[in-house]
Amino acid sequence: MRIGIGLPNQVRDVNPQLIPSWAKRAEELGFASLGTVGRYAYPGVSDTVTLAAAAGATTEIALLSTVLVAPAWPAALLAKEVAGIDGVSGGRLTLGVGVGMRADDFVADGYGLRDRGKRFDDDLAVYREVWDGAAVGGGTNPAVPAGTRRVPLLFGGFSPAALARAAREGDGYIGGSMPVEMVGQSFDAARAAWKEAGREDPPRLVGIAYFALGDVERGRAGVHDYYSFMGDDTASMIAGTLSGGTDAVRATVKAFDELGADELVLNPTVADLDEVSRLADAVL
């Protein structure tokens, strides 16, 4: 199982200048990937900006969004942004996407919660057209340079429609920030969806989990704050999944390995650059 580390783009009031340094250190220490957490209505740095900064600061480490709220974007604009990040990185990006659930994350007129699943299905075709070099905007010019590739797609979500979309359109599935047992159930559901869709190749399965190795209580409070829109009970449940301390982090890695995850991205909860080195010492 590959071990990645999240970038601290959605730690409340993160200093954006930390992101390139975090990415460099993660690559130097041998992590397999750098991940982002996506949300608009929170005082952090957007997925696309974070991934672009990481792409420019590194040369080899993989990049992954876990997950970007895709239907909040006009499809052609997002496709161009993603193609540019992938190009700058030299083809290291995998786009993890989902439909989102918070009304305040949908700020562009005409791109709200309503009908976002249907809109997303239509958007996926637009992504491919843009990446394949189709003309855009009613003119004759493509949006992306020649040689642009179709960026690999992973999908999050739990509904039957989300799982069917993942099996139809994606390269794999990203589990949610939930207790490991619940992630295992969603992995099984993804495997079943792949079979139902007639896919012979198994899904790439990616887990995500929160960690803190310095100030654990500060990290736990940060997770609770991030999910407070879901109510105290749910926010407390998710905050309770945080792996605090070396032993807990190692136990989480072992648990995801036993689930059959191909990759685990451990997401930071404190924007302290020393967390990168602490995590490397614990799990690499």
C-alpha atoms as a PDB file:
ATOM      1  CA  MET A   1       0.000   0.000   0.000  1.00  0.00           C
ATOM      2  CA  ARG A   2       1.302   3.419  -0.983  1.00  0.00           C
ATOM      3  CA  ILE A   3       1.416   6.090   1.736  1.00  0.00           C
ATOM      4  CA  GLY A   4       0.665   9.694   0.866  1.00  0.00           C
ATOM      5  CA  ILE A   5       0.317  12.841   2.909  1.00  0.00           C
ATOM      6  CA  GLY A   6      -2.247  15.579   2.543  1.00  0.00           C
ATOM      7  CA  LEU A   7      -1.367  19.214   2.051  1.00  0.00           C
ATOM      8  CA  PRO A   8      -2.744  21.527   4.776  1.00  0.00           C
ATOM      9  CA  ASN A   9      -4.866  23.566   2.379  1.00  0.00           C
ATOM     10  CA  GLN A  10      -8.030  23.196   4.467  1.00  0.00           C
ATOM     11  CA  VAL A  11      -6.577  23.770   7.911  1.00  0.00           C
ATOM     12  CA  ARG A  12      -8.341  26.905   9.157  1.00  0.00           C
ATOM     13  CA  ASP A  13      -6.368  30.086   8.368  1.00  0.00           C
ATOM     14  CA  VAL A  14      -3.389  28.182   6.942  1.00  0.00           C
ATOM     15  CA  ASN A  15      -0.545  30.386   5.716  1.00  0.00           C
ATOM     16  CA  PRO A  16      -0.553  29.714   1.947  1.00  0.00           C
ATOM     17  CA  GLN A  17       3.243  30.138   1.818  1.00  0.00           C
ATOM     18  CA  LEU A  18       3.551  26.890   3.776  1.00  0.00           C
ATOM     19  CA  ILE A  19       2.182  24.782   0.926  1.00  0.00           C
ATOM     20  CA  PRO A  20       5.236  24.663  -1.415  1.00  0.00           C
ATOM     21  CA  SER A  21       7.578  23.938   1.514  1.00  0.00           C
ATOM     22  CA  TRP A  22       5.269  21.164   2.714  1.00  0.00           C
ATOM     23  CA  ALA A  23       5.209  19.623  -0.763  1.00  0.00           C
ATOM     24  CA  LYS A  24       8.995  19.733  -1.104  1.00  0.00           C
ATOM     25  CA  ARG A  25       9.575  18.128   2.260  1.00  0.00           C
ATOM     26  CA  ALA A  26       7.035  15.381   1.584  1.00  0.00           C
ATOM     27  CA  GLU A  27       8.788  14.507  -1.670  1.00  0.00           C
ATOM     28  CA  GLU A  28      12.231  14.576  -0.058  1.00  0.00           C
ATOM     29  CA  LEU A  29      11.085  12.226   2.710  1.00  0.00           C
ATOM     30  CA  GLY A  30       9.640   9.668   0.314  1.00  0.00           C
ATOM     31  CA  PHE A  31       5.849   9.970   0.479  1.00  0.00           C
ATOM     32  CA  ALA A  32       4.094   8.487  -2.536  1.00  0.00           C
ATOM     33  CA  SER A  33       1.590  11.289  -3.051  1.00  0.00           C
ATOM     34  CA  LEU A  34       0.313  14.688  -1.989  1.00  0.00           C
ATOM     35  CA  GLY A  35      -3.420  15.120  -1.467  1.00  0.00           C
ATOM     36  CA  THR A  36      -5.813  18.027  -1.096  1.00  0.00           C
ATOM     37  CA  VAL A  37      -9.134  18.347   0.715  1.00  0.00           C
ATOM     38  CA  GLY A  38     -11.772  20.300  -1.200  1.00  0.00           C
ATOM     39  CA  ARG A  39     -14.213  22.893   0.033  1.00  0.00           C
ATOM     40  CA  TYR A  40     -14.941  26.504  -0.909  1.00  0.00           C
ATOM     41  CA  ALA A  41     -16.768  27.986   2.087  1.00  0.00           C
ATOM     42  CA  TYR A  42     -13.889  27.641   4.551  1.00  0.00           C
ATOM     43  CA  PRO A  43     -10.815  29.837   5.165  1.00  0.00           C
ATOM     44  CA  GLY A  44      -8.232  27.747   3.346  1.00  0.00           C
ATOM     45  CA  VAL A  45      -6.645  27.499  -0.105  1.00  0.00           C
ATOM     46  CA  SER A  46      -8.508  25.977  -3.064  1.00  0.00           C
ATOM     47  CA  ASP A  47      -7.623  22.553  -4.421  1.00  0.00           C
ATOM     48  CA  THR A  48      -6.509  23.840  -7.806  1.00  0.00           C
ATOM     49  CA  VAL A  49      -4.192  26.526  -6.425  1.00  0.00           C
ATOM     50  CA  THR A  50      -2.751  24.083  -3.895  1.00  0.00           C
ATOM     51  CA  LEU A  51      -2.134  21.387  -6.493  1.00  0.00           C
ATOM     52  CA  ALA A  52      -0.560  23.898  -8.879  1.00  0.00           C
ATOM     53  CA  ALA A  53       1.770  25.122  -6.125  1.00  0.00           C
ATOM     54  CA  ALA A  54       2.727  21.539  -5.282  1.00  0.00           C
ATOM     55  CA  ALA A  55       3.281  20.712  -8.948  1.00  0.00           C
ATOM     56  CA  GLY A  56       5.719  23.594  -9.291  1.00  0.00           C
ATOM     57  CA  ALA A  57       7.555  22.778  -6.062  1.00  0.00           C
ATOM     58  CA  THR A  58       8.163  19.079  -6.795  1.00  0.00           C
ATOM     59  CA  THR A  59       9.321  16.817  -9.608  1.00  0.00           C
ATOM     60  CA  GLU A  60       8.266  13.231  -8.886  1.00  0.00           C
ATOM     61  CA  ILE A  61       5.616  12.843  -6.173  1.00  0.00           C
ATOM     62  CA  ALA A  62       2.053  12.062  -7.322  1.00  0.00           C
ATOM     63  CA  LEU A  63      -0.736  14.632  -6.852  1.00  0.00           C
ATOM     64  CA  LEU A  64      -4.314  13.804  -5.906  1.00  0.00           C
ATOM     65  CA  SER A  65      -7.464  15.733  -4.954  1.00  0.00           C
ATOM     66  CA  THR A  66      -9.529  13.973  -2.252  1.00  0.00           C
ATOM     67  CA  VAL A  67     -12.007  15.236  -3.339  1.00  0.00           C
ATOM     68  CA  LEU A  68     -12.687  18.317  -5.434  1.00  0.00           C
ATOM     69  CA  VAL A  69     -16.335  19.449  -5.586  1.00  0.00           C
ATOM     70  CA  ALA A  70     -16.543  19.324  -9.362  1.00  0.00           C
ATOM     71  CA  PRO A  71     -20.149  20.432 -10.118  1.00  0.00           C
ATOM     72  CA  ALA A  72     -19.480  23.770  -8.420  1.00  0.00           C
ATOM     73  CA  TRP A  73     -17.333  24.625 -11.474  1.00  0.00           C
ATOM     74  CA  PRO A  74     -18.257  25.347 -15.085  1.00  0.00           C
ATOM     75  CA  ALA A  75     -17.012  22.167 -16.718  1.00  0.00           C
ATOM     76  CA  ALA A  76     -14.833  23.640 -19.459  1.00  0.00           C
ATOM     77  CA  LEU A  77     -13.086  25.990 -17.022  1.00  0.00           C
ATOM     78  CA  LEU A  78     -12.308  23.205 -14.569  1.00  0.00           C
ATOM     79  CA  ALA A  79     -11.085  20.943 -17.354  1.00  0.00           C
ATOM     80  CA  LYS A  80      -8.615  23.604 -18.485  1.00  0.00           C
ATOM     81  CA  GLU A  81      -7.411  24.264 -14.923  1.00  0.00           C
ATOM     82  CA  VAL A  82      -6.867  20.550 -14.330  1.00  0.00           C
ATOM     83  CA  ALA A  83      -5.097  20.047 -17.642  1.00  0.00           C
ATOM     84  CA  GLY A  84      -2.730  22.899 -16.815  1.00  0.00           C
ATOM     85  CA  ILE A  85      -1.868  21.476 -13.389  1.00  0.00           C
ATOM     86  CA  ASP A  86      -1.301  18.041 -14.867  1.00  0.00           C
ATOM     87  CA  GLY A  87       0.882  19.511 -17.609  1.00  0.00           C
ATOM     88  CA  VAL A  88       2.998  21.542 -15.196  1.00  0.00           C
ATOM     89  CA  SER A  89       3.507  18.441 -13.067  1.00  0.00           C
ATOM     90  CA  GLY A  90       4.546  16.303 -16.012  1.00  0.00           C
ATOM     91  CA  GLY A  91       1.502  14.055 -15.801  1.00  0.00           C
ATOM     92  CA  ARG A  92       1.480  13.403 -12.046  1.00  0.00           C
ATOM     93  CA  LEU A  93      -2.118  14.426 -11.286  1.00  0.00           C
ATOM     94  CA  THR A  94      -5.071  12.185 -10.505  1.00  0.00           C
ATOM     95  CA  LEU A  95      -8.339  14.066 -10.102  1.00  0.00           C
ATOM     96  CA  GLY A  96     -10.517  12.874  -7.251  1.00  0.00           C
ATOM     97  CA  VAL A  97     -14.011  14.309  -7.630  1.00  0.00           C
ATOM     98  CA  GLY A  98     -17.400  14.266  -5.925  1.00  0.00           C
ATOM     99  CA  VAL A  99     -20.711  16.104  -6.111  1.00  0.00           C
ATOM    100  CA  GLY A 100     -20.511  17.866  -2.733  1.00  0.00           C
ATOM    101  CA  MET A 101     -23.248  18.462  -0.178  1.00  0.00           C
ATOM    102  CA  ARG A 102     -22.913  22.024   1.202  1.00  0.00           C
ATOM    103  CA  ALA A 103     -24.983  24.763  -0.402  1.00  0.00           C
ATOM    104  CA  ASP A 104     -22.392  27.416   0.505  1.00  0.00           C
ATOM    105  CA  ASP A 105     -19.716  25.647  -1.547  1.00  0.00           C
ATOM    106  CA  PHE A 106     -21.721  26.404  -4.703  1.00  0.00           C
ATOM    107  CA  VAL A 107     -21.135  30.100  -5.274  1.00  0.00           C
ATOM    108  CA  ALA A 108     -21.302  30.483  -9.087  1.00  0.00           C
ATOM    109  CA  ASP A 109     -24.699  31.434 -10.481  1.00  0.00           C
ATOM    110  CA  GLY A 110     -26.377  28.432 -12.071  1.00  0.00           C
ATOM    111  CA  TYR A 111     -24.135  25.913 -10.315  1.00  0.00           C
ATOM    112  CA  GLY A 112     -26.026  25.060  -7.154  1.00  0.00           C
ATOM    113  CA  LEU A 113     -26.913  21.890  -5.306  1.00  0.00           C
ATOM    114  CA  ARG A 114     -30.008  21.259  -7.396  1.00  0.00           C
ATOM    115  CA  ASP A 115     -29.489  18.677 -10.165  1.00  0.00           C
ATOM    116  CA  ARG A 116     -25.758  18.577  -9.493  1.00  0.00           C
ATOM    117  CA  GLY A 117     -25.559  14.831 -10.140  1.00  0.00           C
ATOM    118  CA  LYS A 118     -27.084  15.123 -13.603  1.00  0.00           C
ATOM    119  CA  ARG A 119     -24.958  18.179 -14.307  1.00  0.00           C
ATOM    120  CA  PHE A 120     -21.865  16.258 -13.222  1.00  0.00           C
ATOM    121  CA  ASP A 121     -22.633  13.408 -15.622  1.00  0.00           C
ATOM    122  CA  ASP A 122     -22.793  15.931 -18.460  1.00  0.00           C
ATOM    123  CA  ASP A 123     -19.623  17.636 -17.222  1.00  0.00           C
ATOM    124  CA  LEU A 124     -17.586  14.436 -17.465  1.00  0.00           C
ATOM    125  CA  ALA A 125     -18.159  14.353 -21.211  1.00  0.00           C
ATOM    126  CA  VAL A 126     -17.037  17.989 -21.431  1.00  0.00           C
ATOM    127  CA  TYR A 127     -13.810  17.198 -19.563  1.00  0.00           C
ATOM    128  CA  ARG A 128     -12.933  14.535 -22.107  1.00  0.00           C
ATOM    129  CA  GLU A 129     -13.739  16.796 -25.034  1.00  0.00           C
ATOM    130  CA  VAL A 130     -11.561  19.597 -23.666  1.00  0.00           C
ATOM    131  CA  TRP A 131      -8.667  17.250 -22.873  1.00  0.00           C
ATOM    132  CA  ASP A 132      -8.943  15.714 -26.352  1.00  0.00           C
ATOM    133  CA  GLY A 133      -8.488  19.146 -27.924  1.00  0.00           C
ATOM    134  CA  ALA A 134     -12.018  20.043 -29.040  1.00  0.00           C
ATOM    135  CA  ALA A 135     -12.709  23.665 -29.937  1.00  0.00           C
ATOM    136  CA  VAL A 136     -14.363  25.667 -27.160  1.00  0.00           C
ATOM    137  CA  GLY A 137     -16.481  28.783 -26.839  1.00  0.00           C
ATOM    138  CA  GLY A 138     -18.011  28.500 -30.283  1.00  0.00           C
ATOM    139  CA  GLY A 139     -14.699  29.230 -31.987  1.00  0.00           C
ATOM    140  CA  THR A 140     -11.984  27.133 -33.577  1.00  0.00           C
ATOM    141  CA  ASN A 141      -9.394  27.080 -30.799  1.00  0.00           C
ATOM    142  CA  PRO A 142      -8.960  24.289 -28.245  1.00  0.00           C
ATOM    143  CA  ALA A 143      -8.514  25.218 -24.593  1.00  0.00           C
ATOM    144  CA  VAL A 144      -5.423  23.093 -23.988  1.00  0.00           C
ATOM    145  CA  PRO A 145      -2.054  22.466 -25.670  1.00  0.00           C
ATOM    146  CA  ALA A 146      -1.613  19.599 -28.107  1.00  0.00           C
ATOM    147  CA  GLY A 147      -0.539  16.438 -26.324  1.00  0.00           C
ATOM    148  CA  THR A 148      -2.763  17.044 -23.272  1.00  0.00           C
ATOM    149  CA  ARG A 149      -3.860  13.734 -21.779  1.00  0.00           C
ATOM    150  CA  ARG A 150      -7.100  12.630 -20.187  1.00  0.00           C
ATOM    151  CA  VAL A 151      -6.439  13.035 -16.473  1.00  0.00           C
ATOM    152  CA  PRO A 152      -7.257   9.873 -14.465  1.00  0.00           C
ATOM    153  CA  LEU A 153     -10.429  10.177 -12.395  1.00  0.00           C
ATOM    154  CA  LEU A 154     -11.277   8.807  -8.975  1.00  0.00           C
ATOM    155  CA  PHE A 155     -14.717   9.279  -7.425  1.00  0.00           C
ATOM    156  CA  GLY A 156     -16.028   9.722  -3.916  1.00  0.00           C
ATOM    157  CA  GLY A 157     -19.588   9.300  -2.706  1.00  0.00           C
ATOM    158  CA  PHE A 158     -21.860   6.653  -1.244  1.00  0.00           C
ATOM    159  CA  SER A 159     -25.159   6.708  -3.122  1.00  0.00           C
ATOM    160  CA  PRO A 160     -25.973   4.065  -5.734  1.00  0.00           C
ATOM    161  CA  ALA A 161     -25.765   6.771  -8.403  1.00  0.00           C
ATOM    162  CA  ALA A 162     -22.302   7.847  -7.219  1.00  0.00           C
ATOM    163  CA  LEU A 163     -21.012   4.280  -7.173  1.00  0.00           C
ATOM    164  CA  ALA A 164     -22.445   3.531 -10.615  1.00  0.00           C
ATOM    165  CA  ARG A 165     -20.847   6.733 -11.951  1.00  0.00           C
ATOM    166  CA  ALA A 166     -17.504   5.737 -10.478  1.00  0.00           C
ATOM    167  CA  ALA A 167     -17.641   2.308 -12.093  1.00  0.00           C
ATOM    168  CA  ARG A 168     -18.766   3.758 -15.433  1.00  0.00           C
ATOM    169  CA  GLU A 169     -16.378   6.690 -15.657  1.00  0.00           C
ATOM    170  CA  GLY A 170     -13.545   6.248 -13.202  1.00  0.00           C
ATOM    171  CA  ASP A 171     -10.255   4.573 -12.514  1.00  0.00           C
ATOM    172  CA  GLY A 172     -11.061   4.067  -8.862  1.00  0.00           C
ATOM    173  CA  TYR A 173     -12.796   5.111  -5.683  1.00  0.00           C
ATOM    174  CA  ILE A 174     -11.901   7.297  -2.689  1.00  0.00           C
ATOM    175  CA  GLY A 175     -13.340   6.383   0.708  1.00  0.00           C
ATOM    176  CA  GLY A 176     -14.668   9.081   2.997  1.00  0.00           C
ATOM    177  CA  SER A 177     -13.350  10.417   6.309  1.00  0.00           C
ATOM    178  CA  MET A 178     -15.145   7.793   8.358  1.00  0.00           C
ATOM    179  CA  PRO A 179     -14.334   4.978  10.790  1.00  0.00           C
ATOM    180  CA  VAL A 180     -12.301   2.260   9.091  1.00  0.00           C
ATOM    181  CA  GLU A 181     -15.165  -0.245   9.295  1.00  0.00           C
ATOM    182  CA  MET A 182     -17.417   2.104   7.309  1.00  0.00           C
ATOM    183  CA  VAL A 183     -14.690   2.709   4.741  1.00  0.00           C
ATOM    184  CA  GLY A 184     -14.414  -1.049   4.326  1.00  0.00           C
ATOM    185  CA  GLN A 185     -18.114  -1.209   3.524  1.00  0.00           C
ATOM    186  CA  SER A 186     -17.767   1.526   0.904  1.00  0.00           C
ATOM    187  CA  PHE A 187     -14.757  -0.247  -0.635  1.00  0.00           C
ATOM    188  CA  ASP A 188     -16.856  -3.416  -0.900  1.00  0.00           C
ATOM    189  CA  ALA A 189     -19.644  -1.404  -2.512  1.00  0.00           C
ATOM    190  CA  ALA A 190     -17.185   0.023  -5.039  1.00  0.00           C
ATOM    191  CA  ARG A 191     -15.882  -3.450  -5.876  1.00  0.00           C
ATOM    192  CA  ALA A 192     -19.455  -4.638  -6.371  1.00  0.00           C
ATOM    193  CA  ALA A 193     -20.259  -1.669  -8.605  1.00  0.00           C
ATOM    194  CA  TRP A 194     -17.218  -2.455 -10.745  1.00  0.00           C
ATOM    195  CA  LYS A 195     -18.417  -6.027 -11.205  1.00  0.00           C
ATOM    196  CA  GLU A 196     -21.954  -4.930 -11.981  1.00  0.00           C
ATOM    197  CA  ALA A 197     -20.605  -2.571 -14.640  1.00  0.00           C
ATOM    198  CA  GLY A 198     -18.718  -5.459 -16.248  1.00  0.00           C
ATOM    199  CA  ARG A 199     -15.317  -4.029 -15.412  1.00  0.00           C
ATOM    200  CA  GLU A 200     -12.615  -6.692 -15.437  1.00  0.00           C
ATOM    201  CA  ASP A 201     -10.032  -4.402 -13.842  1.00  0.00           C
ATOM    202  CA  PRO A 202     -10.495  -3.834 -10.101  1.00  0.00           C
ATOM    203  CA  PRO A 203     -10.994  -0.270  -8.843  1.00  0.00           C
ATOM    204  CA  ARG A 204      -8.049   1.639  -7.470  1.00  0.00           C
ATOM    205  CA  LEU A 205      -9.017   2.076  -3.827  1.00  0.00           C
ATOM    206  CA  VAL A 206      -7.774   5.120  -1.918  1.00  0.00           C
ATOM    207  CA  GLY A 207      -8.357   5.755   1.767  1.00  0.00           C
ATOM    208  CA  ILE A 208      -8.016   9.054   3.600  1.00  0.00           C
ATOM    209  CA  ALA A 209      -7.516   9.534   7.335  1.00  0.00           C
ATOM    210  CA  TYR A 210      -6.766  12.477   9.607  1.00  0.00           C
ATOM    211  CA  PHE A 211      -3.669  12.530  11.790  1.00  0.00           C
ATOM    212  CA  ALA A 212      -1.882  14.692  14.348  1.00  0.00           C
ATOM    213  CA  LEU A 213       1.501  13.916  15.863  1.00  0.00           C
ATOM    214  CA  GLY A 214       2.285  17.154  17.656  1.00  0.00           C
ATOM    215  CA  ASP A 215      -0.685  18.926  19.176  1.00  0.00           C
ATOM    216  CA  VAL A 216      -3.292  16.153  18.982  1.00  0.00           C
ATOM    217  CA  GLU A 217      -6.095  18.034  20.719  1.00  0.00           C
ATOM    218  CA  ARG A 218      -5.635  21.033  18.461  1.00  0.00           C
ATOM    219  CA  GLY A 219      -5.851  18.718  15.479  1.00  0.00           C
ATOM    220  CA  ARG A 220      -8.996  17.045  16.765  1.00  0.00           C
ATOM    221  CA  ALA A 221     -10.605  20.432  17.387  1.00  0.00           C
ATOM    222  CA  GLY A 222      -9.736  21.463  13.841  1.00  0.00           C
ATOM    223  CA  VAL A 223     -11.453  18.424  12.356  1.00  0.00           C
ATOM    224  CA  HIS A 224     -14.544  19.068  14.482  1.00  0.00           C
ATOM    225  CA  ASP A 225     -14.598  22.679  13.299  1.00  0.00           C
ATOM    226  CA  TYR A 226     -14.320  21.640   9.656  1.00  0.00           C
ATOM    227  CA  TYR A 227     -17.316  19.300   9.925  1.00  0.00           C
ATOM    228  CA  SER A 228     -19.380  21.375  12.353  1.00  0.00           C
ATOM    229  CA  PHE A 229     -21.876  22.151   9.575  1.00  0.00           C
ATOM    230  CA  MET A 230     -23.024  18.518   9.863  1.00  0.00           C
ATOM    231  CA  GLY A 231     -23.994  18.900  13.517  1.00  0.00           C
ATOM    232  CA  ASP A 232     -22.127  18.149  16.729  1.00  0.00           C
ATOM    233  CA  ASP A 233     -22.719  14.388  16.709  1.00  0.00           C
ATOM    234  CA  THR A 234     -21.355  13.830  13.211  1.00  0.00           C
ATOM    235  CA  ALA A 235     -18.507  16.292  13.666  1.00  0.00           C
ATOM    236  CA  SER A 236     -17.528  14.538  16.900  1.00  0.00           C
ATOM    237  CA  MET A 237     -17.681  11.141  15.198  1.00  0.00           C
ATOM    238  CA  ILE A 238     -15.362  12.249  12.399  1.00  0.00           C
ATOM    239  CA  ALA A 239     -13.024  14.041  14.813  1.00  0.00           C
ATOM    240  CA  GLY A 240     -12.924  10.808  16.785  1.00  0.00           C
ATOM    241  CA  THR A 241     -11.399   9.007  13.797  1.00  0.00           C
ATOM    242  CA  LEU A 242      -8.293  11.214  13.967  1.00  0.00           C
ATOM    243  CA  SER A 243      -5.143   9.168  14.549  1.00  0.00           C
ATOM    244  CA  GLY A 244      -3.345  10.962  17.357  1.00  0.00           C
ATOM    245  CA  GLY A 245       0.207   9.880  18.091  1.00  0.00           C
ATOM    246  CA  THR A 246       2.599   7.414  16.500  1.00  0.00           C
ATOM    247  CA  ASP A 247       0.915   4.213  17.672  1.00  0.00           C
ATOM    248  CA  ALA A 248      -2.502   5.343  16.480  1.00  0.00           C
ATOM    249  CA  VAL A 249      -1.170   6.359  13.068  1.00  0.00           C
ATOM    250  CA  ARG A 250       0.553   3.020  12.621  1.00  0.00           C
ATOM    251  CA  ALA A 251      -2.610   1.197  13.621  1.00  0.00           C
ATOM    252  CA  THR A 252      -4.563   3.170  11.016  1.00  0.00           C
ATOM    253  CA  VAL A 253      -2.049   2.300   8.314  1.00  0.00           C
ATOM    254  CA  LYS A 254      -2.313  -1.372   9.243  1.00  0.00           C
ATOM    255  CA  ALA A 255      -6.112  -1.257   9.204  1.00  0.00           C
ATOM    256  CA  PHE A 256      -6.282   0.278   5.728  1.00  0.00           C
ATOM    257  CA  ASP A 257      -3.716  -2.180   4.433  1.00  0.00           C
ATOM    258  CA  GLU A 258      -5.922  -5.015   5.698  1.00  0.00           C
ATOM    259  CA  LEU A 259      -8.905  -3.485   3.870  1.00  0.00           C
ATOM    260  CA  GLY A 260      -7.023  -3.864   0.608  1.00  0.00           C
ATOM    261  CA  ALA A 261      -6.480  -0.148   0.016  1.00  0.00           C
ATOM    262  CA  ASP A 262      -4.029   0.589  -2.769  1.00  0.00           C
ATOM    263  CA  GLU A 263      -3.147   3.938  -1.212  1.00  0.00           C
ATOM    264  CA  LEU A 264      -3.735   5.801   2.031  1.00  0.00           C
ATOM    265  CA  VAL A 265      -3.453   9.586   2.207  1.00  0.00           C
ATOM    266  CA  LEU A 266      -2.951  10.811   5.769  1.00  0.00           C
ATOM    267  CA  ASN A 267      -4.379  14.307   6.041  1.00  0.00           C
ATOM    268  CA  PRO A 268      -2.871  16.886   8.397  1.00  0.00           C
ATOM    269  CA  THR A 269      -4.959  18.717  10.936  1.00  0.00           C
ATOM    270  CA  VAL A 270      -2.297  21.153  12.148  1.00  0.00           C
ATOM    271  CA  ALA A 271      -0.388  23.401   9.728  1.00  0.00           C
ATOM    272  CA  ASP A 272       3.023  22.678  11.255  1.00  0.00           C
ATOM    273  CA  LEU A 273       5.783  21.709   8.807  1.00  0.00           C
ATOM    274  CA  ASP A 274       7.321  19.406  11.401  1.00  0.00           C
ATOM    275  CA  GLU A 275       4.250  17.165  11.034  1.00  0.00           C
ATOM    276  CA  VAL A 276       5.632  15.988   7.686  1.00  0.00           C
ATOM    277  CA  SER A 277       8.849  14.724   9.265  1.00  0.00           C
ATOM    278  CA  ARG A 278       7.002  13.239  12.236  1.00  0.00           C
ATOM    279  CA  LEU A 279       4.701  11.302   9.951  1.00  0.00           C
ATOM    280  CA  ALA A 280       7.590  10.056   7.819  1.00  0.00           C
ATOM    281  CA  ASP A 281       9.347   8.788  10.958  1.00  0.00           C
ATOM    282  CA  ALA A 282       6.180   6.990  12.006  1.00  0.00           C
ATOM    283  CA  VAL A 283       5.120   5.244   8.797  1.00  0.00           C
ATOM    284  CA  LEU A 284       7.826   5.257   6.126  1.00  0.00           C
END
